[in-house]
Amino acid sequence: PFNLNDPAARAELSKLGNFWISIPRTPQPSESYTYTYLLADVKTKEAVLIDPVLETAKRDSTLVKQLGLNLLYAVNTHCHADHISGTGLLKQLLPGCRSVISKDSGAVADLLIQEGYDLQFGTFALQARATPGHTDGCLTYVLNDNTMAFTGDALLIRGCGRTDFQQGSAETLYNSVHKKIFTLPGDCLIYPAHDYTGQTASTVEEERTLNPRLILSKEGFVELMNNLNLPKPKKIGESGFCYSEGERSRRTCVCVCVCVCVFWTMICSMLMALPEEPL
């Protein structure tokens, strides 16, 4: 992995073949500790950005332009609760860029995808694997040669995403990781959406054998996850909206409709309770 904010890392790109990856770190780590990944085919200049953050979308678009890349997709691994996605702003800054998220997320995007969908960029592709459990709409993106996987919050370095909100299920997450991620080659690199200790990557074999949560039995994992008693993420109220377009998700629209119906029912009840003749 290369941090393209480092001039020395940029120089190393000339020694690479057809593919490179950048991990620009969110400059406000105290906010969400989110990693945004830029992947590109060096020959065709076609690129994909994974998990952009609203506050750093301008930084990312500047980097894409500086490198002469054609950003095809701004991709979300899931609807995050600790930040607002930058895909909507990136679409404005980089015309032609398309937003992507799982169809099970309840969000709006240009592409609503599911298990098995391939996002092509140049001679490469990211294959979507459904890994729900942290949320219903979690996707892990695996490079077509199985050398790297972008796991979002489903699998972190020596940890995993929480399962106590946003349709979370500890049992579902355990099954997702063991069946969809741990079945990849042991030397496949794991790139998570977050890390809170400064680590940037792991491998399938490391997490399969050393992850303190996921080496437990399913029953032990469920018991652990159900008793973490974590505080709510700071931006969960804001990030309940659609990440892909900067609009409210369909879930929010349903909530609004329910509130209107309840309010209207209350008014009707009050009117029915009035006497037939004026006092």
C-alpha atoms as a PDB file:
ATOM      1  CA  PRO A   1       0.000   0.000   0.000  1.00  0.00           C
ATOM      2  CA  PHE A   2       1.096   3.531  -0.734  1.00  0.00           C
ATOM      3  CA  ASN A   3       0.216   6.793   0.946  1.00  0.00           C
ATOM      4  CA  LEU A   4       0.204   9.184  -1.982  1.00  0.00           C
ATOM      5  CA  ASN A   5       0.632  12.182   0.283  1.00  0.00           C
ATOM      6  CA  ASP A   6       4.231  10.973   0.635  1.00  0.00           C
ATOM      7  CA  PRO A   7       6.473  12.097  -2.285  1.00  0.00           C
ATOM      8  CA  ALA A   8       8.696   9.053  -1.831  1.00  0.00           C
ATOM      9  CA  ALA A   9       5.680   6.792  -2.209  1.00  0.00           C
ATOM     10  CA  ARG A  10       4.687   8.572  -5.409  1.00  0.00           C
ATOM     11  CA  ALA A  11       8.149   7.907  -6.841  1.00  0.00           C
ATOM     12  CA  GLU A  12       7.727   4.208  -6.133  1.00  0.00           C
ATOM     13  CA  LEU A  13       4.666   4.077  -8.391  1.00  0.00           C
ATOM     14  CA  SER A  14       6.911   4.202 -11.453  1.00  0.00           C
ATOM     15  CA  LYS A  15       8.342   0.819 -10.426  1.00  0.00           C
ATOM     16  CA  LEU A  16       4.969  -0.892 -10.290  1.00  0.00           C
ATOM     17  CA  GLY A  17       3.101  -2.797 -12.940  1.00  0.00           C
ATOM     18  CA  ASN A  18      -0.515  -2.268 -13.865  1.00  0.00           C
ATOM     19  CA  PHE A  19      -2.064  -1.796 -10.447  1.00  0.00           C
ATOM     20  CA  TRP A  20      -1.595   0.290  -7.347  1.00  0.00           C
ATOM     21  CA  ILE A  21      -3.499   1.161  -4.226  1.00  0.00           C
ATOM     22  CA  SER A  22      -3.393   4.260  -2.077  1.00  0.00           C
ATOM     23  CA  ILE A  23      -4.554   4.588   1.515  1.00  0.00           C
ATOM     24  CA  PRO A  24      -4.980   8.296   2.226  1.00  0.00           C
ATOM     25  CA  ARG A  25      -5.748   8.648   5.931  1.00  0.00           C
ATOM     26  CA  THR A  26      -8.624  10.819   7.075  1.00  0.00           C
ATOM     27  CA  PRO A  27      -6.988  13.971   8.492  1.00  0.00           C
ATOM     28  CA  GLN A  28      -9.429  14.088  11.417  1.00  0.00           C
ATOM     29  CA  PRO A  29      -8.741  10.692  13.025  1.00  0.00           C
ATOM     30  CA  SER A  30     -10.546  11.683  16.213  1.00  0.00           C
ATOM     31  CA  GLU A  31     -13.804  11.840  14.235  1.00  0.00           C
ATOM     32  CA  SER A  32     -14.086   8.399  12.649  1.00  0.00           C
ATOM     33  CA  TYR A  33     -10.639   6.874  12.024  1.00  0.00           C
ATOM     34  CA  THR A  34     -11.898   5.983   8.557  1.00  0.00           C
ATOM     35  CA  TYR A  35      -9.640   4.656   5.817  1.00  0.00           C
ATOM     36  CA  THR A  36     -10.469   5.638   2.252  1.00  0.00           C
ATOM     37  CA  TYR A  37      -8.914   3.468  -0.455  1.00  0.00           C
ATOM     38  CA  LEU A  38      -8.034   4.560  -3.980  1.00  0.00           C
ATOM     39  CA  LEU A  39      -7.417   1.730  -6.450  1.00  0.00           C
ATOM     40  CA  ALA A  40      -6.366   2.240 -10.052  1.00  0.00           C
ATOM     41  CA  ASP A  41      -5.239   0.503 -13.205  1.00  0.00           C
ATOM     42  CA  VAL A  42      -2.024   2.338 -14.078  1.00  0.00           C
ATOM     43  CA  LYS A  43      -2.347   1.729 -17.820  1.00  0.00           C
ATOM     44  CA  THR A  44      -5.993   2.666 -18.357  1.00  0.00           C
ATOM     45  CA  LYS A  45      -6.128   5.234 -15.509  1.00  0.00           C
ATOM     46  CA  GLU A  46      -9.526   3.905 -14.446  1.00  0.00           C
ATOM     47  CA  ALA A  47     -10.013   4.030 -10.684  1.00  0.00           C
ATOM     48  CA  VAL A  48     -12.302   3.165  -7.781  1.00  0.00           C
ATOM     49  CA  LEU A  49     -12.568   4.930  -4.411  1.00  0.00           C
ATOM     50  CA  ILE A  50     -13.771   2.896  -1.423  1.00  0.00           C
ATOM     51  CA  ASP A  51     -15.482   4.472   1.613  1.00  0.00           C
ATOM     52  CA  PRO A  52     -14.987   8.195   0.954  1.00  0.00           C
ATOM     53  CA  VAL A  53     -15.764  10.609   3.797  1.00  0.00           C
ATOM     54  CA  LEU A  54     -17.632  13.887   3.281  1.00  0.00           C
ATOM     55  CA  GLU A  55     -15.021  16.012   5.074  1.00  0.00           C
ATOM     56  CA  THR A  56     -12.199  14.689   2.870  1.00  0.00           C
ATOM     57  CA  ALA A  57     -13.996  14.315  -0.465  1.00  0.00           C
ATOM     58  CA  LYS A  58     -12.334  17.449  -1.857  1.00  0.00           C
ATOM     59  CA  ARG A  59      -8.933  16.088  -0.865  1.00  0.00           C
ATOM     60  CA  ASP A  60      -9.700  12.830  -2.638  1.00  0.00           C
ATOM     61  CA  SER A  61     -10.973  14.523  -5.795  1.00  0.00           C
ATOM     62  CA  THR A  62      -7.828  16.662  -5.919  1.00  0.00           C
ATOM     63  CA  LEU A  63      -5.673  13.539  -5.663  1.00  0.00           C
ATOM     64  CA  VAL A  64      -7.617  11.832  -8.446  1.00  0.00           C
ATOM     65  CA  LYS A  65      -7.111  14.857 -10.711  1.00  0.00           C
ATOM     66  CA  GLN A  66      -3.425  15.190  -9.844  1.00  0.00           C
ATOM     67  CA  LEU A  67      -2.824  11.579 -10.822  1.00  0.00           C
ATOM     68  CA  GLY A  68      -4.786  11.940 -14.041  1.00  0.00           C
ATOM     69  CA  LEU A  69      -7.233   9.205 -13.089  1.00  0.00           C
ATOM     70  CA  ASN A  70     -10.764   8.564 -14.280  1.00  0.00           C
ATOM     71  CA  LEU A  71     -12.796   7.758 -11.169  1.00  0.00           C
ATOM     72  CA  LEU A  72     -15.503   5.346 -12.267  1.00  0.00           C
ATOM     73  CA  TYR A  73     -16.996   4.478  -8.889  1.00  0.00           C
ATOM     74  CA  ALA A  74     -17.254   5.883  -5.369  1.00  0.00           C
ATOM     75  CA  VAL A  75     -18.053   2.777  -3.365  1.00  0.00           C
ATOM     76  CA  ASN A  76     -19.513   2.291   0.113  1.00  0.00           C
ATOM     77  CA  THR A  77     -18.919  -0.929   2.033  1.00  0.00           C
ATOM     78  CA  HIS A  78     -22.056  -0.107   4.066  1.00  0.00           C
ATOM     79  CA  CYS A  79     -23.985   2.746   5.666  1.00  0.00           C
ATOM     80  CA  HIS A  80     -21.588   4.034   8.312  1.00  0.00           C
ATOM     81  CA  ALA A  81     -22.786   5.381  11.663  1.00  0.00           C
ATOM     82  CA  ASP A  82     -19.673   7.404  12.495  1.00  0.00           C
ATOM     83  CA  HIS A  83     -19.417   9.604   9.425  1.00  0.00           C
ATOM     84  CA  ILE A  84     -21.284  10.796   6.352  1.00  0.00           C
ATOM     85  CA  SER A  85     -20.181   9.397   3.003  1.00  0.00           C
ATOM     86  CA  GLY A  86     -18.469  11.649   0.471  1.00  0.00           C
ATOM     87  CA  THR A  87     -19.920   9.941  -2.591  1.00  0.00           C
ATOM     88  CA  GLY A  88     -22.513  12.641  -3.263  1.00  0.00           C
ATOM     89  CA  LEU A  89     -19.910  15.425  -3.240  1.00  0.00           C
ATOM     90  CA  LEU A  90     -17.455  13.372  -5.287  1.00  0.00           C
ATOM     91  CA  LYS A  91     -20.075  12.993  -8.007  1.00  0.00           C
ATOM     92  CA  GLN A  92     -20.303  16.775  -8.196  1.00  0.00           C
ATOM     93  CA  LEU A  93     -16.541  17.255  -8.232  1.00  0.00           C
ATOM     94  CA  LEU A  94     -15.804  14.402 -10.651  1.00  0.00           C
ATOM     95  CA  PRO A  95     -18.545  14.145 -13.307  1.00  0.00           C
ATOM     96  CA  GLY A  96     -18.953  10.595 -14.534  1.00  0.00           C
ATOM     97  CA  CYS A  97     -18.294   9.059 -11.134  1.00  0.00           C
ATOM     98  CA  ARG A  98     -21.075   6.698 -10.037  1.00  0.00           C
ATOM     99  CA  SER A  99     -22.070   5.941  -6.447  1.00  0.00           C
ATOM    100  CA  VAL A 100     -22.312   2.319  -5.309  1.00  0.00           C
ATOM    101  CA  ILE A 101     -23.810   0.620  -2.265  1.00  0.00           C
ATOM    102  CA  SER A 102     -25.566  -2.636  -1.378  1.00  0.00           C
ATOM    103  CA  LYS A 103     -29.190  -2.930  -2.411  1.00  0.00           C
ATOM    104  CA  ASP A 104     -29.866  -4.184   1.122  1.00  0.00           C
ATOM    105  CA  SER A 105     -28.635  -0.944   2.698  1.00  0.00           C
ATOM    106  CA  GLY A 106     -31.889   0.954   2.170  1.00  0.00           C
ATOM    107  CA  ALA A 107     -29.898   3.823   0.652  1.00  0.00           C
ATOM    108  CA  VAL A 108     -30.059   5.473  -2.761  1.00  0.00           C
ATOM    109  CA  ALA A 109     -27.188   5.181  -5.244  1.00  0.00           C
ATOM    110  CA  ASP A 110     -26.467   4.968  -8.955  1.00  0.00           C
ATOM    111  CA  LEU A 111     -25.681   1.278  -8.560  1.00  0.00           C
ATOM    112  CA  LEU A 112     -27.419  -0.897  -5.983  1.00  0.00           C
ATOM    113  CA  ILE A 113     -25.469  -4.130  -6.024  1.00  0.00           C
ATOM    114  CA  GLN A 114     -25.457  -7.523  -4.332  1.00  0.00           C
ATOM    115  CA  GLU A 115     -23.405 -10.702  -3.905  1.00  0.00           C
ATOM    116  CA  GLY A 116     -21.337 -11.562  -6.979  1.00  0.00           C
ATOM    117  CA  TYR A 117     -21.456  -8.165  -8.679  1.00  0.00           C
ATOM    118  CA  ASP A 118     -18.166  -7.196 -10.358  1.00  0.00           C
ATOM    119  CA  LEU A 119     -17.017  -3.568 -10.449  1.00  0.00           C
ATOM    120  CA  GLN A 120     -14.664  -3.375 -13.422  1.00  0.00           C
ATOM    121  CA  PHE A 121     -11.881  -0.797 -13.630  1.00  0.00           C
ATOM    122  CA  GLY A 122      -9.341  -1.318 -16.378  1.00  0.00           C
ATOM    123  CA  THR A 123      -8.164  -4.926 -16.370  1.00  0.00           C
ATOM    124  CA  PHE A 124      -9.158  -5.368 -12.725  1.00  0.00           C
ATOM    125  CA  ALA A 125     -12.412  -5.958 -10.891  1.00  0.00           C
ATOM    126  CA  LEU A 126     -13.746  -5.853  -7.368  1.00  0.00           C
ATOM    127  CA  GLN A 127     -16.188  -8.632  -6.602  1.00  0.00           C
ATOM    128  CA  ALA A 128     -18.864  -7.938  -4.005  1.00  0.00           C
ATOM    129  CA  ARG A 129     -19.387 -10.466  -1.234  1.00  0.00           C
ATOM    130  CA  ALA A 130     -22.368 -10.006   1.071  1.00  0.00           C
ATOM    131  CA  THR A 131     -21.084  -9.908   4.656  1.00  0.00           C
ATOM    132  CA  PRO A 132     -24.048  -8.730   6.778  1.00  0.00           C
ATOM    133  CA  GLY A 133     -24.085  -8.711  10.548  1.00  0.00           C
ATOM    134  CA  HIS A 134     -22.718  -5.271  11.373  1.00  0.00           C
ATOM    135  CA  THR A 135     -25.521  -3.970   9.143  1.00  0.00           C
ATOM    136  CA  ASP A 136     -27.805  -5.719   6.656  1.00  0.00           C
ATOM    137  CA  GLY A 137     -26.084  -3.977   3.763  1.00  0.00           C
ATOM    138  CA  CYS A 138     -22.425  -4.756   4.461  1.00  0.00           C
ATOM    139  CA  LEU A 139     -20.345  -5.759   1.444  1.00  0.00           C
ATOM    140  CA  THR A 140     -16.740  -6.944   1.289  1.00  0.00           C
ATOM    141  CA  TYR A 141     -14.972  -6.126  -1.982  1.00  0.00           C
ATOM    142  CA  VAL A 142     -12.409  -8.705  -3.141  1.00  0.00           C
ATOM    143  CA  LEU A 143      -9.905  -8.005  -5.917  1.00  0.00           C
ATOM    144  CA  ASN A 144     -10.361 -10.442  -8.778  1.00  0.00           C
ATOM    145  CA  ASP A 145      -7.049 -12.224  -8.104  1.00  0.00           C
ATOM    146  CA  ASN A 146      -7.964 -12.767  -4.414  1.00  0.00           C
ATOM    147  CA  THR A 147      -4.890 -10.857  -3.210  1.00  0.00           C
ATOM    148  CA  MET A 148      -6.785  -8.229  -1.205  1.00  0.00           C
ATOM    149  CA  ALA A 149     -10.161  -7.738   0.422  1.00  0.00           C
ATOM    150  CA  PHE A 150     -11.753  -4.486   1.588  1.00  0.00           C
ATOM    151  CA  THR A 151     -13.867  -5.606   4.501  1.00  0.00           C
ATOM    152  CA  GLY A 152     -15.519  -2.414   5.734  1.00  0.00           C
ATOM    153  CA  ASP A 153     -16.590  -2.941   9.345  1.00  0.00           C
ATOM    154  CA  ALA A 154     -17.339  -6.648   8.995  1.00  0.00           C
ATOM    155  CA  LEU A 155     -13.743  -7.593   9.790  1.00  0.00           C
ATOM    156  CA  LEU A 156     -11.281  -5.235  11.466  1.00  0.00           C
ATOM    157  CA  ILE A 157      -7.675  -5.862  12.447  1.00  0.00           C
ATOM    158  CA  ARG A 158      -7.969  -8.075  15.539  1.00  0.00           C
ATOM    159  CA  GLY A 159     -11.596  -7.096  15.864  1.00  0.00           C
ATOM    160  CA  CYS A 160     -14.911  -6.640  14.054  1.00  0.00           C
ATOM    161  CA  GLY A 161     -17.760  -4.184  13.739  1.00  0.00           C
ATOM    162  CA  ARG A 162     -20.316  -3.900  16.514  1.00  0.00           C
ATOM    163  CA  THR A 163     -23.665  -5.655  16.179  1.00  0.00           C
ATOM    164  CA  ASP A 164     -25.932  -3.765  18.578  1.00  0.00           C
ATOM    165  CA  PHE A 165     -27.614  -1.323  16.153  1.00  0.00           C
ATOM    166  CA  GLN A 166     -28.460  -0.818  12.442  1.00  0.00           C
ATOM    167  CA  GLN A 167     -29.939  -4.323  12.002  1.00  0.00           C
ATOM    168  CA  GLY A 168     -26.864  -5.840  13.640  1.00  0.00           C
ATOM    169  CA  SER A 169     -26.689  -9.556  14.410  1.00  0.00           C
ATOM    170  CA  ALA A 170     -23.704 -11.199  16.078  1.00  0.00           C
ATOM    171  CA  GLU A 171     -24.601 -14.636  14.742  1.00  0.00           C
ATOM    172  CA  THR A 172     -24.972 -13.307  11.200  1.00  0.00           C
ATOM    173  CA  LEU A 173     -21.657 -11.454  11.374  1.00  0.00           C
ATOM    174  CA  TYR A 174     -19.847 -14.552  12.642  1.00  0.00           C
ATOM    175  CA  ASN A 175     -21.210 -16.596   9.740  1.00  0.00           C
ATOM    176  CA  SER A 176     -20.382 -13.870   7.218  1.00  0.00           C
ATOM    177  CA  VAL A 177     -16.753 -13.549   8.252  1.00  0.00           C
ATOM    178  CA  HIS A 178     -16.126 -17.284   8.490  1.00  0.00           C
ATOM    179  CA  LYS A 179     -17.870 -18.163   5.229  1.00  0.00           C
ATOM    180  CA  LYS A 180     -17.088 -15.175   2.998  1.00  0.00           C
ATOM    181  CA  ILE A 181     -13.740 -13.812   4.253  1.00  0.00           C
ATOM    182  CA  PHE A 182     -11.909 -16.578   6.104  1.00  0.00           C
ATOM    183  CA  THR A 183     -12.367 -18.845   3.060  1.00  0.00           C
ATOM    184  CA  LEU A 184     -10.083 -16.564   1.016  1.00  0.00           C
ATOM    185  CA  PRO A 185      -6.384 -17.503   0.624  1.00  0.00           C
ATOM    186  CA  GLY A 186      -4.408 -17.066   3.837  1.00  0.00           C
ATOM    187  CA  ASP A 187      -2.088 -14.467   2.291  1.00  0.00           C
ATOM    188  CA  CYS A 188      -4.980 -12.327   1.041  1.00  0.00           C
ATOM    189  CA  LEU A 189      -4.497  -8.835   2.466  1.00  0.00           C
ATOM    190  CA  ILE A 190      -7.263  -7.426   4.653  1.00  0.00           C
ATOM    191  CA  TYR A 191      -7.976  -3.698   4.426  1.00  0.00           C
ATOM    192  CA  PRO A 192     -10.642  -2.565   6.940  1.00  0.00           C
ATOM    193  CA  ALA A 193     -12.672   0.643   6.989  1.00  0.00           C
ATOM    194  CA  HIS A 194     -11.287   1.606  10.395  1.00  0.00           C
ATOM    195  CA  ASP A 195      -8.438   1.028  12.783  1.00  0.00           C
ATOM    196  CA  TYR A 196      -8.026   2.801  16.082  1.00  0.00           C
ATOM    197  CA  THR A 197      -4.380   1.903  16.739  1.00  0.00           C
ATOM    198  CA  GLY A 198      -2.734   3.026  13.495  1.00  0.00           C
ATOM    199  CA  GLN A 199      -2.534  -0.375  11.800  1.00  0.00           C
ATOM    200  CA  THR A 200      -3.349  -0.385   8.097  1.00  0.00           C
ATOM    201  CA  ALA A 201      -3.557  -4.014   6.961  1.00  0.00           C
ATOM    202  CA  SER A 202      -3.634  -7.633   8.033  1.00  0.00           C
ATOM    203  CA  THR A 203      -4.047 -11.002   6.298  1.00  0.00           C
ATOM    204  CA  VAL A 204      -6.760 -13.615   6.255  1.00  0.00           C
ATOM    205  CA  GLU A 205      -4.479 -16.102   7.999  1.00  0.00           C
ATOM    206  CA  GLU A 206      -3.611 -13.642  10.779  1.00  0.00           C
ATOM    207  CA  GLU A 207      -7.224 -12.818  11.503  1.00  0.00           C
ATOM    208  CA  ARG A 208      -8.323 -16.424  11.137  1.00  0.00           C
ATOM    209  CA  THR A 209      -5.863 -17.523  13.821  1.00  0.00           C
ATOM    210  CA  LEU A 210      -5.253 -14.428  15.966  1.00  0.00           C
ATOM    211  CA  ASN A 211      -8.452 -12.356  15.988  1.00  0.00           C
ATOM    212  CA  PRO A 212      -9.508 -12.622  19.660  1.00  0.00           C
ATOM    213  CA  ARG A 213     -13.203 -12.338  18.852  1.00  0.00           C
ATOM    214  CA  LEU A 214     -13.462 -14.541  15.807  1.00  0.00           C
ATOM    215  CA  ILE A 215     -11.397 -17.466  17.066  1.00  0.00           C
ATOM    216  CA  LEU A 216     -14.175 -18.019  19.601  1.00  0.00           C
ATOM    217  CA  SER A 217     -16.991 -20.468  19.014  1.00  0.00           C
ATOM    218  CA  LYS A 218     -20.119 -18.964  17.517  1.00  0.00           C
ATOM    219  CA  GLU A 219     -21.816 -19.134  20.904  1.00  0.00           C
ATOM    220  CA  GLY A 220     -18.882 -17.448  22.632  1.00  0.00           C
ATOM    221  CA  PHE A 221     -18.760 -14.734  19.977  1.00  0.00           C
ATOM    222  CA  VAL A 222     -22.480 -14.002  20.280  1.00  0.00           C
ATOM    223  CA  GLU A 223     -22.256 -13.763  24.059  1.00  0.00           C
ATOM    224  CA  LEU A 224     -19.263 -11.414  23.830  1.00  0.00           C
ATOM    225  CA  MET A 225     -20.824  -9.131  21.228  1.00  0.00           C
ATOM    226  CA  ASN A 226     -24.157  -8.953  23.044  1.00  0.00           C
ATOM    227  CA  ASN A 227     -22.478  -7.713  26.213  1.00  0.00           C
ATOM    228  CA  LEU A 228     -20.097  -5.007  24.938  1.00  0.00           C
ATOM    229  CA  ASN A 229     -22.355  -2.149  26.137  1.00  0.00           C
ATOM    230  CA  LEU A 230     -20.759   0.388  23.786  1.00  0.00           C
ATOM    231  CA  PRO A 231     -21.883   4.049  23.526  1.00  0.00           C
ATOM    232  CA  LYS A 232     -23.719   5.117  20.387  1.00  0.00           C
ATOM    233  CA  PRO A 233     -21.578   6.567  17.566  1.00  0.00           C
ATOM    234  CA  LYS A 234     -21.492  10.359  17.612  1.00  0.00           C
ATOM    235  CA  LYS A 235     -22.967  10.825  14.130  1.00  0.00           C
ATOM    236  CA  ILE A 236     -25.530   8.057  14.080  1.00  0.00           C
ATOM    237  CA  GLY A 237     -28.328  10.637  13.917  1.00  0.00           C
ATOM    238  CA  GLU A 238     -26.855  12.237  10.806  1.00  0.00           C
ATOM    239  CA  SER A 239     -25.611   9.088   9.134  1.00  0.00           C
ATOM    240  CA  GLY A 240     -29.003   7.414   9.221  1.00  0.00           C
ATOM    241  CA  PHE A 241     -29.577   9.177   5.927  1.00  0.00           C
ATOM    242  CA  CYS A 242     -28.584   8.084   2.470  1.00  0.00           C
ATOM    243  CA  TYR A 243     -24.833   8.043   2.135  1.00  0.00           C
ATOM    244  CA  SER A 244     -24.678   7.653  -1.595  1.00  0.00           C
ATOM    245  CA  GLU A 245     -26.459  10.791  -2.693  1.00  0.00           C
ATOM    246  CA  GLY A 246     -26.568  12.971   0.398  1.00  0.00           C
ATOM    247  CA  GLU A 247     -30.315  12.478   0.583  1.00  0.00           C
ATOM    248  CA  ARG A 248     -32.503  10.742   3.127  1.00  0.00           C
ATOM    249  CA  SER A 249     -32.742   6.991   2.732  1.00  0.00           C
ATOM    250  CA  ARG A 250     -35.952   5.153   2.064  1.00  0.00           C
ATOM    251  CA  ARG A 251     -35.973   4.141   5.718  1.00  0.00           C
ATOM    252  CA  THR A 252     -36.209   7.811   6.676  1.00  0.00           C
ATOM    253  CA  CYS A 253     -39.082   8.319   4.239  1.00  0.00           C
ATOM    254  CA  VAL A 254     -40.941   5.428   5.846  1.00  0.00           C
ATOM    255  CA  CYS A 255     -40.414   6.990   9.278  1.00  0.00           C
ATOM    256  CA  VAL A 256     -41.784  10.315   8.037  1.00  0.00           C
ATOM    257  CA  CYS A 257     -44.849   8.604   6.570  1.00  0.00           C
ATOM    258  CA  VAL A 258     -45.482   6.760   9.819  1.00  0.00           C
ATOM    259  CA  CYS A 259     -45.217   9.990  11.809  1.00  0.00           C
ATOM    260  CA  VAL A 260     -47.646  11.755   9.461  1.00  0.00           C
ATOM    261  CA  CYS A 261     -50.115   8.873   9.702  1.00  0.00           C
ATOM    262  CA  VAL A 262     -49.945   8.841  13.491  1.00  0.00           C
ATOM    263  CA  PHE A 263     -50.424  12.613  13.631  1.00  0.00           C
ATOM    264  CA  TRP A 264     -53.392  12.447  11.246  1.00  0.00           C
ATOM    265  CA  THR A 265     -54.960   9.640  13.294  1.00  0.00           C
ATOM    266  CA  MET A 266     -54.663  11.782  16.425  1.00  0.00           C
ATOM    267  CA  ILE A 267     -56.372  14.718  14.690  1.00  0.00           C
ATOM    268  CA  CYS A 268     -59.198  12.497  13.429  1.00  0.00           C
ATOM    269  CA  SER A 269     -59.711  11.074  16.914  1.00  0.00           C
ATOM    270  CA  MET A 270     -59.913  14.571  18.374  1.00  0.00           C
ATOM    271  CA  LEU A 271     -62.445  15.657  15.748  1.00  0.00           C
ATOM    272  CA  MET A 272     -64.609  12.594  16.353  1.00  0.00           C
ATOM    273  CA  ALA A 273     -64.632  13.367  20.067  1.00  0.00           C
ATOM    274  CA  LEU A 274     -66.120  16.845  19.503  1.00  0.00           C
ATOM    275  CA  PRO A 275     -69.871  17.292  20.142  1.00  0.00           C
ATOM    276  CA  GLU A 276     -72.086  17.201  17.063  1.00  0.00           C
ATOM    277  CA  GLU A 277     -73.640  20.602  17.881  1.00  0.00           C
ATOM    278  CA  PRO A 278     -71.633  23.689  18.749  1.00  0.00           C
ATOM    279  CA  LEU A 279     -71.656  24.646  22.412  1.00  0.00           C
END
